[in-house]
PDB file of all heavy atoms in Angstrom:
ATOM      1  N   LEU A   1     -30.650  20.580 -42.558  1.00  0.00           N
ATOM      2  CA  LEU A   1     -31.977  20.676 -43.222  1.00  0.00           C
ATOM      3  C   LEU A   1     -32.633  19.327 -43.249  1.00  0.00           C
ATOM      4  O   LEU A   1     -32.284  18.649 -44.238  1.00  0.00           O
ATOM      5  CB  LEU A   1     -31.944  21.281 -44.564  1.00  0.00           C
ATOM      6  CG  LEU A   1     -31.275  22.735 -44.515  1.00  0.00           C
ATOM      7  CD1 LEU A   1     -31.138  23.262 -45.891  1.00  0.00           C
ATOM      8  CD2 LEU A   1     -32.185  23.728 -43.620  1.00  0.00           C
ATOM      9  N   SER A   2     -33.238  18.873 -42.094  1.00  0.00           N
ATOM     10  CA  SER A   2     -33.996  17.623 -42.288  1.00  0.00           C
ATOM     11  C   SER A   2     -35.339  17.778 -41.564  1.00  0.00           C
ATOM     12  O   SER A   2     -35.589  18.677 -40.821  1.00  0.00           O
ATOM     13  CB  SER A   2     -33.164  16.454 -41.677  1.00  0.00           C
ATOM     14  OG  SER A   2     -32.856  16.831 -40.277  1.00  0.00           O
ATOM     15  N   LYS A   3     -36.022  16.748 -41.663  1.00  0.00           N
ATOM     16  CA  LYS A   3     -37.383  16.779 -41.046  1.00  0.00           C
ATOM     17  C   LYS A   3     -37.305  16.631 -39.596  1.00  0.00           C
ATOM     18  O   LYS A   3     -38.019  17.117 -38.738  1.00  0.00           O
ATOM     19  CB  LYS A   3     -38.275  15.619 -41.666  1.00  0.00           C
ATOM     20  CG  LYS A   3     -38.677  15.784 -43.035  1.00  0.00           C
ATOM     21  CD  LYS A   3     -39.455  14.639 -43.531  1.00  0.00           C
ATOM     22  CE  LYS A   3     -39.915  14.686 -45.032  1.00  0.00           C
ATOM     23  NZ  LYS A   3     -40.614  13.775 -45.424  1.00  0.00           N
ATOM     24  N   ASP A   4     -36.283  15.931 -39.122  1.00  0.00           N
ATOM     25  CA  ASP A   4     -36.139  15.586 -37.724  1.00  0.00           C
ATOM     26  C   ASP A   4     -35.600  16.860 -36.916  1.00  0.00           C
ATOM     27  O   ASP A   4     -35.898  17.037 -35.771  1.00  0.00           O
ATOM     28  CB  ASP A   4     -35.174  14.440 -37.413  1.00  0.00           C
ATOM     29  CG  ASP A   4     -35.740  13.118 -38.095  1.00  0.00           C
ATOM     30  OD1 ASP A   4     -36.832  13.015 -38.021  1.00  0.00           O
ATOM     31  OD2 ASP A   4     -34.817  12.286 -38.405  1.00  0.00           O
ATOM     32  N   ASN A   5     -34.960  17.656 -37.629  1.00  0.00           N
ATOM     33  CA  ASN A   5     -34.360  18.808 -37.036  1.00  0.00           C
ATOM     34  C   ASN A   5     -35.302  20.054 -37.078  1.00  0.00           C
ATOM     35  O   ASN A   5     -34.898  21.079 -36.431  1.00  0.00           O
ATOM     36  CB  ASN A   5     -32.977  19.183 -37.679  1.00  0.00           C
ATOM     37  CG  ASN A   5     -31.944  18.140 -37.373  1.00  0.00           C
ATOM     38  OD1 ASN A   5     -32.080  17.426 -36.379  1.00  0.00           O
ATOM     39  ND2 ASN A   5     -30.991  18.088 -38.180  1.00  0.00           N
ATOM     40  N   ASN A   6     -36.442  19.992 -37.799  1.00  0.00           N
ATOM     41  CA  ASN A   6     -37.359  21.131 -37.896  1.00  0.00           C
ATOM     42  C   ASN A   6     -37.980  21.519 -36.478  1.00  0.00           C
ATOM     43  O   ASN A   6     -38.069  22.654 -36.139  1.00  0.00           O
ATOM     44  CB  ASN A   6     -38.419  20.840 -38.866  1.00  0.00           C
ATOM     45  CG  ASN A   6     -37.878  20.964 -40.259  1.00  0.00           C
ATOM     46  OD1 ASN A   6     -36.793  21.657 -40.491  1.00  0.00           O
ATOM     47  ND2 ASN A   6     -38.600  20.278 -41.208  1.00  0.00           N
ATOM     48  N   ARG A   7     -38.163  20.466 -35.802  1.00  0.00           N
ATOM     49  CA  ARG A   7     -38.780  20.643 -34.439  1.00  0.00           C
ATOM     50  C   ARG A   7     -37.737  21.417 -33.449  1.00  0.00           C
ATOM     51  O   ARG A   7     -38.264  22.221 -32.828  1.00  0.00           O
ATOM     52  CB  ARG A   7     -39.134  19.325 -33.880  1.00  0.00           C
ATOM     53  CG  ARG A   7     -40.334  18.706 -34.566  1.00  0.00           C
ATOM     54  CD  ARG A   7     -40.596  17.304 -33.907  1.00  0.00           C
ATOM     55  NE  ARG A   7     -39.627  16.505 -34.121  1.00  0.00           N
ATOM     56  CZ  ARG A   7     -39.434  15.284 -33.408  1.00  0.00           C
ATOM     57  NH1 ARG A   7     -40.395  14.858 -32.625  1.00  0.00           N
ATOM     58  NH2 ARG A   7     -38.377  14.549 -33.633  1.00  0.00           N
ATOM     59  N   VAL A   8     -36.540  20.915 -33.550  1.00  0.00           N
ATOM     60  CA  VAL A   8     -35.514  21.671 -32.709  1.00  0.00           C
ATOM     61  C   VAL A   8     -35.432  23.048 -32.926  1.00  0.00           C
ATOM     62  O   VAL A   8     -35.270  23.992 -32.251  1.00  0.00           O
ATOM     63  CB  VAL A   8     -34.165  21.009 -32.737  1.00  0.00           C
ATOM     64  CG1 VAL A   8     -33.133  21.558 -31.926  1.00  0.00           C
ATOM     65  CG2 VAL A   8     -34.396  19.516 -32.385  1.00  0.00           C
ATOM     66  N   GLN A   9     -35.400  23.433 -34.239  1.00  0.00           N
ATOM     67  CA  GLN A   9     -35.205  24.726 -34.787  1.00  0.00           C
ATOM     68  C   GLN A   9     -36.442  25.658 -34.369  1.00  0.00           C
ATOM     69  O   GLN A   9     -36.251  26.819 -34.039  1.00  0.00           O
ATOM     70  CB  GLN A   9     -34.973  24.823 -36.229  1.00  0.00           C
ATOM     71  CG  GLN A   9     -33.621  24.236 -36.587  1.00  0.00           C
ATOM     72  CD  GLN A   9     -33.421  24.264 -38.189  1.00  0.00           C
ATOM     73  OE1 GLN A   9     -34.463  24.762 -38.924  1.00  0.00           O
ATOM     74  NE2 GLN A   9     -32.375  23.715 -38.670  1.00  0.00           N
ATOM     75  N   LYS A  10     -37.655  25.110 -34.403  1.00  0.00           N
ATOM     76  CA  LYS A  10     -38.822  25.948 -34.118  1.00  0.00           C
ATOM     77  C   LYS A  10     -38.795  26.192 -32.543  1.00  0.00           C
ATOM     78  O   LYS A  10     -39.104  27.284 -32.157  1.00  0.00           O
ATOM     79  CB  LYS A  10     -39.985  25.202 -34.455  1.00  0.00           C
ATOM     80  CG  LYS A  10     -40.328  25.052 -35.969  1.00  0.00           C
ATOM     81  CD  LYS A  10     -41.502  24.304 -36.177  1.00  0.00           C
ATOM     82  CE  LYS A  10     -41.721  24.178 -37.713  1.00  0.00           C
ATOM     83  NZ  LYS A  10     -42.981  23.520 -38.090  1.00  0.00           N
ATOM     84  N   LYS A  11     -38.444  25.313 -31.812  1.00  0.00           N
ATOM     85  CA  LYS A  11     -38.344  25.672 -30.441  1.00  0.00           C
ATOM     86  C   LYS A  11     -37.351  26.571 -30.037  1.00  0.00           C
ATOM     87  O   LYS A  11     -37.537  27.378 -29.193  1.00  0.00           O
ATOM     88  CB  LYS A  11     -37.922  24.258 -29.692  1.00  0.00           C
ATOM     89  CG  LYS A  11     -39.111  23.305 -29.714  1.00  0.00           C
ATOM     90  CD  LYS A  11     -38.594  22.081 -28.928  1.00  0.00           C
ATOM     91  CE  LYS A  11     -39.823  21.011 -28.934  1.00  0.00           C
ATOM     92  NZ  LYS A  11     -39.558  19.765 -28.268  1.00  0.00           N
ATOM     93  N   LYS A  12     -36.124  26.648 -30.829  1.00  0.00           N
ATOM     94  CA  LYS A  12     -35.234  27.675 -30.516  1.00  0.00           C
ATOM     95  C   LYS A  12     -35.679  29.055 -30.903  1.00  0.00           C
ATOM     96  O   LYS A  12     -35.144  30.136 -30.390  1.00  0.00           O
ATOM     97  CB  LYS A  12     -33.824  27.306 -31.272  1.00  0.00           C
ATOM     98  CG  LYS A  12     -33.153  26.151 -30.677  1.00  0.00           C
ATOM     99  CD  LYS A  12     -31.936  25.907 -31.505  1.00  0.00           C
ATOM    100  CE  LYS A  12     -31.067  24.707 -30.768  1.00  0.00           C
ATOM    101  NZ  LYS A  12     -29.880  24.545 -31.484  1.00  0.00           N
ATOM    102  N   LYS A  13     -36.688  29.234 -31.792  1.00  0.00           N
ATOM    103  CA  LYS A  13     -37.236  30.581 -32.051  1.00  0.00           C
ATOM    104  C   LYS A  13     -37.919  31.172 -30.926  1.00  0.00           C
ATOM    105  O   LYS A  13     -38.140  32.326 -30.981  1.00  0.00           O
ATOM    106  CB  LYS A  13     -38.181  30.351 -33.355  1.00  0.00           C
ATOM    107  CG  LYS A  13     -37.310  30.066 -34.575  1.00  0.00           C
ATOM    108  CD  LYS A  13     -38.159  29.899 -35.876  1.00  0.00           C
ATOM    109  CE  LYS A  13     -37.567  29.563 -37.012  1.00  0.00           C
ATOM    110  NZ  LYS A  13     -38.435  29.470 -38.245  1.00  0.00           N
ATOM    111  N   HIS A  14     -38.539  30.498 -30.107  1.00  0.00           N
ATOM    112  CA  HIS A  14     -39.216  30.983 -28.897  1.00  0.00           C
ATOM    113  C   HIS A  14     -38.651  30.662 -27.698  1.00  0.00           C
ATOM    114  O   HIS A  14     -39.091  29.733 -26.916  1.00  0.00           O
ATOM    115  CB  HIS A  14     -40.771  30.512 -28.898  1.00  0.00           C
ATOM    116  CG  HIS A  14     -41.433  30.738 -30.320  1.00  0.00           C
ATOM    117  ND1 HIS A  14     -41.923  31.989 -30.659  1.00  0.00           N
ATOM    118  CD2 HIS A  14     -41.640  29.932 -31.351  1.00  0.00           C
ATOM    119  CE1 HIS A  14     -42.377  31.913 -31.855  1.00  0.00           C
ATOM    120  NE2 HIS A  14     -42.296  30.676 -32.301  1.00  0.00           N
ATOM    121  N   PRO A  15     -37.650  31.453 -27.179  1.00  0.00           N
ATOM    122  CA  PRO A  15     -36.945  31.139 -26.056  1.00  0.00           C
ATOM    123  C   PRO A  15     -37.492  31.649 -24.799  1.00  0.00           C
ATOM    124  O   PRO A  15     -36.893  31.817 -23.782  1.00  0.00           O
ATOM    125  CB  PRO A  15     -35.527  31.591 -26.253  1.00  0.00           C
ATOM    126  CG  PRO A  15     -35.847  32.763 -27.153  1.00  0.00           C
ATOM    127  CD  PRO A  15     -36.960  32.452 -28.001  1.00  0.00           C
ATOM    128  N   LYS A  16     -38.833  32.292 -24.841  1.00  0.00           N
ATOM    129  CA  LYS A  16     -39.305  32.839 -23.733  1.00  0.00           C
ATOM    130  C   LYS A  16     -39.646  31.955 -22.476  1.00  0.00           C
ATOM    131  O   LYS A  16     -39.358  32.281 -21.394  1.00  0.00           O
ATOM    132  CB  LYS A  16     -40.716  33.573 -24.150  1.00  0.00           C
ATOM    133  CG  LYS A  16     -40.485  34.717 -25.112  1.00  0.00           C
ATOM    134  CD  LYS A  16     -41.788  35.325 -25.444  1.00  0.00           C
ATOM    135  CE  LYS A  16     -41.719  36.347 -26.370  1.00  0.00           C
ATOM    136  NZ  LYS A  16     -42.960  37.112 -26.751  1.00  0.00           N
ATOM    137  N   LYS A  17     -40.178  30.861 -22.811  1.00  0.00           N
ATOM    138  CA  LYS A  17     -40.416  29.933 -21.731  1.00  0.00           C
ATOM    139  C   LYS A  17     -39.367  28.809 -21.768  1.00  0.00           C
ATOM    140  O   LYS A  17     -39.293  28.137 -22.801  1.00  0.00           O
ATOM    141  CB  LYS A  17     -41.842  29.247 -22.024  1.00  0.00           C
ATOM    142  CG  LYS A  17     -43.016  30.200 -21.899  1.00  0.00           C
ATOM    143  CD  LYS A  17     -44.342  29.423 -22.142  1.00  0.00           C
ATOM    144  CE  LYS A  17     -45.470  30.531 -22.062  1.00  0.00           C
ATOM    145  NZ  LYS A  17     -46.791  29.734 -22.259  1.00  0.00           N
ATOM    146  N   LYS A  18     -38.696  28.955 -20.637  1.00  0.00           N
ATOM    147  CA  LYS A  18     -37.790  27.840 -20.503  1.00  0.00           C
ATOM    148  C   LYS A  18     -38.307  26.851 -19.644  1.00  0.00           C
ATOM    149  O   LYS A  18     -38.529  26.975 -18.542  1.00  0.00           O
ATOM    150  CB  LYS A  18     -36.567  28.429 -19.837  1.00  0.00           C
ATOM    151  CG  LYS A  18     -35.773  29.553 -20.569  1.00  0.00           C
ATOM    152  CD  LYS A  18     -34.503  30.054 -19.862  1.00  0.00           C
ATOM    153  CE  LYS A  18     -33.968  31.151 -20.647  1.00  0.00           C
ATOM    154  NZ  LYS A  18     -32.744  31.591 -19.947  1.00  0.00           N
ATOM    155  N   THR A  19     -38.537  25.697 -20.314  1.00  0.00           N
ATOM    156  CA  THR A  19     -39.017  24.495 -19.588  1.00  0.00           C
ATOM    157  C   THR A  19     -37.909  23.476 -19.754  1.00  0.00           C
ATOM    158  O   THR A  19     -37.355  23.222 -20.686  1.00  0.00           O
ATOM    159  CB  THR A  19     -40.390  24.144 -20.382  1.00  0.00           C
ATOM    160  OG1 THR A  19     -40.101  23.872 -21.678  1.00  0.00           O
ATOM    161  CG2 THR A  19     -41.402  25.194 -20.080  1.00  0.00           C
ATOM    162  N   LYS A  20     -37.978  22.732 -18.727  1.00  0.00           N
ATOM    163  CA  LYS A  20     -36.988  21.653 -18.761  1.00  0.00           C
ATOM    164  C   LYS A  20     -37.799  20.365 -18.976  1.00  0.00           C
ATOM    165  O   LYS A  20     -38.808  20.131 -18.328  1.00  0.00           O
ATOM    166  CB  LYS A  20     -36.333  21.480 -17.278  1.00  0.00           C
ATOM    167  CG  LYS A  20     -35.359  22.688 -16.939  1.00  0.00           C
ATOM    168  CD  LYS A  20     -34.694  22.458 -15.678  1.00  0.00           C
ATOM    169  CE  LYS A  20     -33.727  23.641 -15.369  1.00  0.00           C
ATOM    170  NZ  LYS A  20     -33.146  23.448 -14.027  1.00  0.00           N
ATOM    171  N   LYS A  21     -37.208  19.723 -19.909  1.00  0.00           N
ATOM    172  CA  LYS A  21     -37.830  18.490 -20.212  1.00  0.00           C
ATOM    173  C   LYS A  21     -37.397  17.324 -19.144  1.00  0.00           C
ATOM    174  O   LYS A  21     -36.182  17.216 -19.000  1.00  0.00           O
ATOM    175  CB  LYS A  21     -37.533  18.014 -21.610  1.00  0.00           C
ATOM    176  CG  LYS A  21     -38.136  18.945 -22.653  1.00  0.00           C
ATOM    177  CD  LYS A  21     -37.835  18.357 -23.938  1.00  0.00           C
ATOM    178  CE  LYS A  21     -38.576  19.158 -25.059  1.00  0.00           C
ATOM    179  NZ  LYS A  21     -38.294  18.761 -26.444  1.00  0.00           N
ATOM    180  N   LYS A  22     -38.427  16.818 -18.655  1.00  0.00           N
ATOM    181  CA  LYS A  22     -37.919  15.861 -17.644  1.00  0.00           C
ATOM    182  C   LYS A  22     -37.405  14.522 -18.333  1.00  0.00           C
ATOM    183  O   LYS A  22     -36.360  14.050 -17.738  1.00  0.00           O
ATOM    184  CB  LYS A  22     -39.276  15.291 -16.821  1.00  0.00           C
ATOM    185  CG  LYS A  22     -39.920  16.427 -16.136  1.00  0.00           C
ATOM    186  CD  LYS A  22     -41.192  15.908 -15.296  1.00  0.00           C
ATOM    187  CE  LYS A  22     -41.783  16.897 -14.545  1.00  0.00           C
ATOM    188  NZ  LYS A  22     -42.976  16.478 -13.768  1.00  0.00           N
ATOM    189  N   ASN A  23     -37.881  14.103 -19.401  1.00  0.00           N
ATOM    190  CA  ASN A  23     -37.326  13.003 -20.080  1.00  0.00           C
ATOM    191  C   ASN A  23     -36.899  13.380 -21.500  1.00  0.00           C
ATOM    192  O   ASN A  23     -37.727  13.447 -22.531  1.00  0.00           O
ATOM    193  CB  ASN A  23     -38.274  11.821 -20.245  1.00  0.00           C
ATOM    194  CG  ASN A  23     -38.631  11.361 -18.724  1.00  0.00           C
ATOM    195  OD1 ASN A  23     -37.816  11.181 -17.939  1.00  0.00           O
ATOM    196  ND2 ASN A  23     -39.876  11.016 -18.496  1.00  0.00           N
ATOM    197  N   PRO A  24     -35.583  13.960 -21.706  1.00  0.00           N
ATOM    198  CA  PRO A  24     -35.203  14.290 -23.012  1.00  0.00           C
ATOM    199  C   PRO A  24     -35.007  13.097 -23.759  1.00  0.00           C
ATOM    200  O   PRO A  24     -34.763  11.992 -23.408  1.00  0.00           O
ATOM    201  CB  PRO A  24     -33.812  14.960 -22.813  1.00  0.00           C
ATOM    202  CG  PRO A  24     -33.399  14.443 -21.539  1.00  0.00           C
ATOM    203  CD  PRO A  24     -34.500  14.110 -20.609  1.00  0.00           C
ATOM    204  N   GLU A  25     -35.369  13.414 -25.136  1.00  0.00           N
ATOM    205  CA  GLU A  25     -35.302  12.372 -26.044  1.00  0.00           C
ATOM    206  C   GLU A  25     -33.865  11.914 -26.428  1.00  0.00           C
ATOM    207  O   GLU A  25     -32.974  12.726 -26.602  1.00  0.00           O
ATOM    208  CB  GLU A  25     -36.106  12.634 -27.403  1.00  0.00           C
ATOM    209  CG  GLU A  25     -37.508  12.930 -27.146  1.00  0.00           C
ATOM    210  CD  GLU A  25     -38.251  13.206 -28.509  1.00  0.00           C
ATOM    211  OE1 GLU A  25     -37.389  13.351 -29.539  1.00  0.00           O
ATOM    212  OE2 GLU A  25     -39.445  13.431 -28.574  1.00  0.00           O
ATOM    213  N   PRO A  26     -33.643  10.788 -26.457  1.00  0.00           N
ATOM    214  CA  PRO A  26     -32.211  10.265 -26.812  1.00  0.00           C
ATOM    215  C   PRO A  26     -31.820  10.621 -28.327  1.00  0.00           C
ATOM    216  O   PRO A  26     -32.655  10.528 -29.087  1.00  0.00           O
ATOM    217  CB  PRO A  26     -32.308   8.810 -26.498  1.00  0.00           C
ATOM    218  CG  PRO A  26     -33.667   8.395 -26.666  1.00  0.00           C
ATOM    219  CD  PRO A  26     -34.538   9.481 -26.288  1.00  0.00           C
ATOM    220  N   ILE A  27     -30.642  10.972 -28.382  1.00  0.00           N
ATOM    221  CA  ILE A  27     -30.288  11.307 -29.744  1.00  0.00           C
ATOM    222  C   ILE A  27     -29.815  10.178 -30.520  1.00  0.00           C
ATOM    223  O   ILE A  27     -28.992   9.249 -30.142  1.00  0.00           O
ATOM    224  CB  ILE A  27     -29.049  12.328 -29.690  1.00  0.00           C
ATOM    225  CG1 ILE A  27     -29.398  13.657 -28.979  1.00  0.00           C
ATOM    226  CG2 ILE A  27     -28.462  12.747 -31.169  1.00  0.00           C
ATOM    227  CD1 ILE A  27     -28.314  14.605 -28.661  1.00  0.00           C
ATOM    228  N   ASN A  28     -30.541   9.992 -31.604  1.00  0.00           N
ATOM    229  CA  ASN A  28     -30.247   8.762 -32.508  1.00  0.00           C
ATOM    230  C   ASN A  28     -29.132   9.091 -33.450  1.00  0.00           C
ATOM    231  O   ASN A  28     -29.069  10.376 -33.843  1.00  0.00           O
ATOM    232  CB  ASN A  28     -31.505   8.403 -33.182  1.00  0.00           C
ATOM    233  CG  ASN A  28     -32.481   7.856 -32.212  1.00  0.00           C
ATOM    234  OD1 ASN A  28     -32.122   7.291 -31.189  1.00  0.00           O
ATOM    235  ND2 ASN A  28     -33.814   8.084 -32.478  1.00  0.00           N
ATOM    236  N   ASP A  29     -28.376   8.253 -33.834  1.00  0.00           N
ATOM    237  CA  ASP A  29     -27.341   8.438 -34.917  1.00  0.00           C
ATOM    238  C   ASP A  29     -27.921   8.814 -36.254  1.00  0.00           C
ATOM    239  O   ASP A  29     -27.330   9.419 -36.964  1.00  0.00           O
ATOM    240  CB  ASP A  29     -26.419   7.175 -35.150  1.00  0.00           C
ATOM    241  CG  ASP A  29     -25.570   6.950 -33.791  1.00  0.00           C
ATOM    242  OD1 ASP A  29     -25.416   7.783 -33.167  1.00  0.00           O
ATOM    243  OD2 ASP A  29     -25.251   5.675 -33.566  1.00  0.00           O
ATOM    244  N   ASP A  30     -29.293   8.355 -36.368  1.00  0.00           N
ATOM    245  CA  ASP A  30     -29.920   8.714 -37.661  1.00  0.00           C
ATOM    246  C   ASP A  30     -30.148  10.101 -37.717  1.00  0.00           C
ATOM    247  O   ASP A  30     -30.306  10.705 -38.879  1.00  0.00           O
ATOM    248  CB  ASP A  30     -31.261   7.919 -37.726  1.00  0.00           C
ATOM    249  CG  ASP A  30     -30.883   6.408 -37.871  1.00  0.00           C
ATOM    250  OD1 ASP A  30     -29.743   6.082 -38.350  1.00  0.00           O
ATOM    251  OD2 ASP A  30     -31.793   5.611 -37.410  1.00  0.00           O
ATOM    252  N   MET A  31     -30.368  10.882 -36.562  1.00  0.00           N
ATOM    253  CA  MET A  31     -30.588  12.309 -36.670  1.00  0.00           C
ATOM    254  C   MET A  31     -29.477  13.065 -37.360  1.00  0.00           C
ATOM    255  O   MET A  31     -29.639  13.948 -37.970  1.00  0.00           O
ATOM    256  CB  MET A  31     -30.972  12.758 -35.197  1.00  0.00           C
ATOM    257  CG  MET A  31     -32.207  12.240 -34.687  1.00  0.00           C
ATOM    258  SD  MET A  31     -32.426  12.723 -32.973  1.00  0.00           S
ATOM    259  CE  MET A  31     -32.589  14.420 -33.217  1.00  0.00           C
ATOM    260  N   PHE A  32     -28.256  12.657 -37.003  1.00  0.00           N
ATOM    261  CA  PHE A  32     -27.124  13.304 -37.541  1.00  0.00           C
ATOM    262  C   PHE A  32     -26.188  12.421 -38.485  1.00  0.00           C
ATOM    263  O   PHE A  32     -24.976  12.334 -38.393  1.00  0.00           O
ATOM    264  CB  PHE A  32     -26.262  13.840 -36.305  1.00  0.00           C
ATOM    265  CG  PHE A  32     -26.874  14.816 -35.457  1.00  0.00           C
ATOM    266  CD1 PHE A  32     -27.534  14.481 -34.426  1.00  0.00           C
ATOM    267  CD2 PHE A  32     -26.776  16.250 -35.882  1.00  0.00           C
ATOM    268  CE1 PHE A  32     -28.169  15.433 -33.603  1.00  0.00           C
ATOM    269  CE2 PHE A  32     -27.426  17.267 -35.050  1.00  0.00           C
ATOM    270  CZ  PHE A  32     -28.165  16.822 -33.869  1.00  0.00           C
ATOM    271  N   ASN A  33     -26.896  11.870 -39.319  1.00  0.00           N
ATOM    272  CA  ASN A  33     -26.160  11.008 -40.223  1.00  0.00           C
ATOM    273  C   ASN A  33     -25.780  11.852 -41.440  1.00  0.00           C
ATOM    274  O   ASN A  33     -26.537  12.293 -42.285  1.00  0.00           O
ATOM    275  CB  ASN A  33     -27.186   9.939 -40.754  1.00  0.00           C
ATOM    276  CG  ASN A  33     -26.378   8.891 -41.620  1.00  0.00           C
ATOM    277  OD1 ASN A  33     -25.215   8.992 -41.928  1.00  0.00           O
ATOM    278  ND2 ASN A  33     -27.107   7.733 -41.992  1.00  0.00           N
ATOM    279  N   ILE A  34     -24.512  12.291 -41.391  1.00  0.00           N
ATOM    280  CA  ILE A  34     -23.739  13.221 -42.282  1.00  0.00           C
ATOM    281  C   ILE A  34     -23.734  12.615 -43.676  1.00  0.00           C
ATOM    282  O   ILE A  34     -23.869  13.230 -44.668  1.00  0.00           O
ATOM    283  CB  ILE A  34     -22.461  13.549 -41.881  1.00  0.00           C
ATOM    284  CG1 ILE A  34     -22.623  14.341 -40.365  1.00  0.00           C
ATOM    285  CG2 ILE A  34     -21.725  14.514 -42.755  1.00  0.00           C
ATOM    286  CD1 ILE A  34     -21.201  14.519 -39.843  1.00  0.00           C
ATOM    287  N   ASP A  35     -23.702  11.328 -43.746  1.00  0.00           N
ATOM    288  CA  ASP A  35     -23.458  10.755 -45.048  1.00  0.00           C
ATOM    289  C   ASP A  35     -24.701  10.833 -45.802  1.00  0.00           C
ATOM    290  O   ASP A  35     -24.779  10.974 -47.089  1.00  0.00           O
ATOM    291  CB  ASP A  35     -23.105   9.263 -44.872  1.00  0.00           C
ATOM    292  CG  ASP A  35     -21.833   9.130 -44.220  1.00  0.00           C
ATOM    293  OD1 ASP A  35     -20.925   9.890 -44.412  1.00  0.00           O
ATOM    294  OD2 ASP A  35     -21.689   7.946 -43.768  1.00  0.00           O
ATOM    295  N   ASN A  36     -26.001  10.935 -45.103  1.00  0.00           N
ATOM    296  CA  ASN A  36     -27.292  11.065 -45.750  1.00  0.00           C
ATOM    297  C   ASN A  36     -27.810  12.372 -46.008  1.00  0.00           C
ATOM    298  O   ASN A  36     -28.802  12.714 -46.584  1.00  0.00           O
ATOM    299  CB  ASN A  36     -28.310  10.274 -45.103  1.00  0.00           C
ATOM    300  CG  ASN A  36     -27.993   8.746 -45.035  1.00  0.00           C
ATOM    301  OD1 ASN A  36     -27.441   8.178 -46.050  1.00  0.00           O
ATOM    302  ND2 ASN A  36     -28.380   8.038 -43.960  1.00  0.00           N
ATOM    303  N   GLU A  37     -26.947  13.440 -45.483  1.00  0.00           N
ATOM    304  CA  GLU A  37     -27.375  14.811 -45.473  1.00  0.00           C
ATOM    305  C   GLU A  37     -26.782  15.490 -46.804  1.00  0.00           C
ATOM    306  O   GLU A  37     -25.676  15.113 -47.135  1.00  0.00           O
ATOM    307  CB  GLU A  37     -26.935  15.477 -44.278  1.00  0.00           C
ATOM    308  CG  GLU A  37     -27.682  14.918 -43.018  1.00  0.00           C
ATOM    309  CD  GLU A  37     -29.069  14.987 -42.995  1.00  0.00           C
ATOM    310  OE1 GLU A  37     -29.644  15.953 -43.638  1.00  0.00           O
ATOM    311  OE2 GLU A  37     -29.746  14.091 -42.512  1.00  0.00           O
ATOM    312  N   ILE A  38     -27.428  16.529 -47.137  1.00  0.00           N
ATOM    313  CA  ILE A  38     -26.912  17.465 -48.282  1.00  0.00           C
ATOM    314  C   ILE A  38     -26.390  18.729 -47.646  1.00  0.00           C
ATOM    315  O   ILE A  38     -27.248  19.446 -46.905  1.00  0.00           O
ATOM    316  CB  ILE A  38     -28.018  17.666 -49.176  1.00  0.00           C
ATOM    317  CG1 ILE A  38     -28.594  16.381 -49.824  1.00  0.00           C
ATOM    318  CG2 ILE A  38     -27.577  18.648 -50.407  1.00  0.00           C
ATOM    319  CD1 ILE A  38     -29.679  16.547 -50.679  1.00  0.00           C
ATOM    320  N   VAL A  39     -25.110  19.023 -47.808  1.00  0.00           N
ATOM    321  CA  VAL A  39     -24.568  20.213 -47.275  1.00  0.00           C
ATOM    322  C   VAL A  39     -24.393  21.222 -48.322  1.00  0.00           C
ATOM    323  O   VAL A  39     -23.804  20.853 -49.379  1.00  0.00           O
ATOM    324  CB  VAL A  39     -23.242  19.806 -46.617  1.00  0.00           C
ATOM    325  CG1 VAL A  39     -22.562  21.052 -46.070  1.00  0.00           C
ATOM    326  CG2 VAL A  39     -23.439  18.841 -45.580  1.00  0.00           C
ATOM    327  N   ILE A  40     -24.921  22.468 -48.148  1.00  0.00           N
ATOM    328  CA  ILE A  40     -24.739  23.349 -49.180  1.00  0.00           C
ATOM    329  C   ILE A  40     -23.828  24.562 -48.703  1.00  0.00           C
ATOM    330  O   ILE A  40     -24.011  25.218 -47.751  1.00  0.00           O
ATOM    331  CB  ILE A  40     -26.137  24.030 -49.455  1.00  0.00           C
ATOM    332  CG1 ILE A  40     -27.147  23.083 -49.803  1.00  0.00           C
ATOM    333  CG2 ILE A  40     -26.134  25.193 -50.510  1.00  0.00           C
ATOM    334  CD1 ILE A  40     -28.610  23.545 -49.975  1.00  0.00           C
ATOM    335  N   GLY A  41     -22.818  24.833 -49.689  1.00  0.00           N
ATOM    336  CA  GLY A  41     -21.883  25.961 -49.493  1.00  0.00           C
ATOM    337  C   GLY A  41     -21.042  25.780 -48.242  1.00  0.00           C
ATOM    338  O   GLY A  41     -20.464  26.744 -47.699  1.00  0.00           O
ATOM    339  N   VAL A  42     -20.716  24.556 -47.854  1.00  0.00           N
ATOM    340  CA  VAL A  42     -19.937  24.409 -46.626  1.00  0.00           C
ATOM    341  C   VAL A  42     -18.711  23.349 -47.059  1.00  0.00           C
ATOM    342  O   VAL A  42     -19.144  22.370 -47.725  1.00  0.00           O
ATOM    343  CB  VAL A  42     -20.702  23.931 -45.369  1.00  0.00           C
ATOM    344  CG1 VAL A  42     -19.710  23.602 -44.275  1.00  0.00           C
ATOM    345  CG2 VAL A  42     -21.785  24.753 -45.150  1.00  0.00           C
ATOM    346  N   THR A  43     -17.593  23.641 -46.639  1.00  0.00           N
ATOM    347  CA  THR A  43     -16.379  22.676 -46.906  1.00  0.00           C
ATOM    348  C   THR A  43     -16.251  21.937 -45.511  1.00  0.00           C
ATOM    349  O   THR A  43     -16.124  22.383 -44.589  1.00  0.00           O
ATOM    350  CB  THR A  43     -15.230  23.435 -47.225  1.00  0.00           C
ATOM    351  OG1 THR A  43     -14.926  24.364 -46.147  1.00  0.00           O
ATOM    352  CG2 THR A  43     -15.292  24.309 -48.542  1.00  0.00           C
ATOM    353  N   VAL A  44     -16.116  20.646 -45.895  1.00  0.00           N
ATOM    354  CA  VAL A  44     -15.884  19.738 -44.601  1.00  0.00           C
ATOM    355  C   VAL A  44     -14.396  19.456 -44.567  1.00  0.00           C
ATOM    356  O   VAL A  44     -13.755  18.998 -45.491  1.00  0.00           O
ATOM    357  CB  VAL A  44     -16.744  18.390 -44.891  1.00  0.00           C
ATOM    358  CG1 VAL A  44     -16.501  17.543 -43.667  1.00  0.00           C
ATOM    359  CG2 VAL A  44     -18.160  18.695 -45.180  1.00  0.00           C
ATOM    360  N   LEU A  45     -13.858  19.734 -43.380  1.00  0.00           N
ATOM    361  CA  LEU A  45     -12.469  19.463 -43.064  1.00  0.00           C
ATOM    362  C   LEU A  45     -12.328  18.045 -42.832  1.00  0.00           C
ATOM    363  O   LEU A  45     -12.945  17.518 -41.912  1.00  0.00           O
ATOM    364  CB  LEU A  45     -12.030  20.278 -41.946  1.00  0.00           C
ATOM    365  CG  LEU A  45     -12.062  21.883 -42.273  1.00  0.00           C
ATOM    366  CD1 LEU A  45     -11.598  22.573 -40.843  1.00  0.00           C
ATOM    367  CD2 LEU A  45     -11.125  22.202 -43.358  1.00  0.00           C
TER     368      LEU A  45
END
């Protein structure tokens, strides 16, 4: 649950048009910084 991931989730809701992105955005480490995220109801192994 973060602002950066909202866009990815919205795109996944409408899978009708499959378009290939010519230049996919590089995944930054900041996008999946687990230390800065809040996890609800999940146990981390």
